[in-house]
């Protein structure tokens, strides 16, 4: 089970890195900034992401990316979490793959 989640996260990261950066406002810019620093500074990335209210993100792709990045940052920082955030990202990106 954990390997399936791990492989799914790797696939999603590959998909995210291949997409064009959209300019949907300041939230998108912050999301991509957090993505850029996630591996070197997960604590800083998490701080950036937690400042973005999910209700203000209008784009579904950005919401899924936000959920994925928060999950990754918390995982790297050994913060316990539920599956709810990764499920948001998984459901969105798996629908993209299927279509």
Protein backbone atom coordinates (compact mmCIF):
# COMPACT_ATOMS: atom_id res chain seq x y z
CA UNK A 1 0.00 0.00 0.00
CA UNK A 2 2.73 2.47 0.94
CA UNK A 3 4.57 1.69 -2.29
CA UNK A 4 1.44 2.49 -4.32
CA UNK A 5 1.16 5.88 -2.63
CA UNK A 6 4.88 6.49 -3.13
CA UNK A 7 4.71 5.66 -6.85
CA UNK A 8 1.58 7.76 -7.26
CA UNK A 9 3.33 10.73 -5.68
CA UNK A 10 6.31 10.28 -8.02
CA UNK A 11 4.00 10.19 -11.06
CA UNK A 12 2.14 13.26 -9.88
CA UNK A 13 5.39 15.15 -9.32
CA UNK A 14 6.42 14.28 -12.86
CA UNK A 15 3.09 15.57 -14.17
CA UNK A 16 3.40 18.77 -12.18
CA UNK A 17 6.91 19.44 -13.39
CA UNK A 18 5.77 19.09 -17.03
CA UNK A 19 2.85 21.48 -16.94
CA UNK A 20 2.98 25.13 -17.85
CA UNK A 21 2.97 27.56 -15.00
CA UNK A 22 -0.30 29.43 -15.02
CA UNK A 23 -0.76 32.94 -13.78
CA UNK A 24 -3.90 32.65 -11.69
CA UNK A 25 -2.88 35.28 -9.18
CA UNK A 26 -0.70 35.51 -6.16
CA UNK A 27 -1.71 32.09 -4.79
CA UNK A 28 -0.38 30.25 -7.85
CA UNK A 29 2.89 32.12 -7.60
CA UNK A 30 3.26 31.14 -3.95
CA UNK A 31 2.40 27.51 -4.71
CA UNK A 32 5.12 27.30 -7.36
CA UNK A 33 7.61 29.07 -5.08
CA UNK A 34 6.91 26.46 -2.39
CA UNK A 35 7.32 23.68 -4.96
CA UNK A 36 10.74 25.04 -5.94
CA UNK A 37 12.09 24.97 -2.37
CA UNK A 38 10.27 21.89 -1.07
CA UNK A 39 13.18 19.45 -1.27
CA UNK A 40 15.84 21.70 0.23
CA UNK A 41 13.65 23.53 2.77
CA UNK A 42 10.41 21.65 3.50
CA UNK A 43 9.76 23.74 6.60
CA UNK A 44 9.84 26.97 4.59
CA UNK A 45 7.69 25.44 1.85
CA UNK A 46 5.11 24.34 4.42
CA UNK A 47 5.07 27.82 5.95
CA UNK A 48 4.38 29.35 2.53
CA UNK A 49 1.65 26.83 1.76
CA UNK A 50 -0.06 27.23 5.12
CA UNK A 51 -0.37 30.98 4.50
CA UNK A 52 -2.52 30.29 1.44
CA UNK A 53 -6.18 29.81 2.33
CA UNK A 54 -7.41 26.85 0.29
CA UNK A 55 -10.75 28.61 -0.14
CA UNK A 56 -9.03 31.38 -2.12
CA UNK A 57 -7.51 29.02 -4.68
CA UNK A 58 -9.92 29.07 -7.61
CA UNK A 59 -8.22 26.61 -9.96
CA UNK A 60 -8.76 22.86 -9.34
CA UNK A 61 -5.25 22.03 -10.55
CA UNK A 62 -3.76 24.52 -8.10
CA UNK A 63 -5.86 23.09 -5.25
CA UNK A 64 -4.63 19.59 -6.06
CA UNK A 65 -1.04 20.81 -6.34
CA UNK A 66 -1.38 22.65 -3.03
CA UNK A 67 -2.71 19.48 -1.36
CA UNK A 68 0.11 17.39 -2.79
CA UNK A 69 2.81 19.83 -1.73
CA UNK A 70 1.44 20.19 1.81
CA UNK A 71 1.38 16.40 2.09
CA UNK A 72 4.96 16.12 0.84
CA UNK A 73 6.24 18.85 3.14
CA UNK A 74 4.58 17.29 6.18
CA UNK A 75 5.94 13.88 5.20
CA UNK A 76 9.48 15.26 4.93
CA UNK A 77 9.08 16.92 8.33
CA UNK A 78 7.72 13.71 9.93
CA UNK A 79 4.39 15.35 10.77
CA UNK A 80 1.56 12.86 11.23
CA UNK A 81 -1.36 13.41 8.90
CA UNK A 82 -4.46 11.78 7.52
CA UNK A 83 -5.03 10.67 3.94
CA UNK A 84 -7.55 13.42 3.20
CA UNK A 85 -5.11 15.86 1.54
CA UNK A 86 -3.32 13.30 -0.57
CA UNK A 87 -6.71 11.94 -1.64
CA UNK A 88 -7.66 15.37 -3.01
CA UNK A 89 -4.50 15.42 -5.11
CA UNK A 90 -4.75 11.76 -6.07
CA UNK A 91 -8.36 12.02 -7.25
CA UNK A 92 -7.65 15.08 -9.37
CA UNK A 93 -4.49 13.77 -11.02
CA UNK A 94 -5.80 10.24 -11.55
CA UNK A 95 -8.74 11.73 -13.47
CA UNK A 96 -6.27 13.60 -15.68
CA UNK A 97 -4.38 10.38 -16.38
CA UNK A 98 -7.60 8.47 -17.17
CA UNK A 99 -8.83 11.14 -19.56
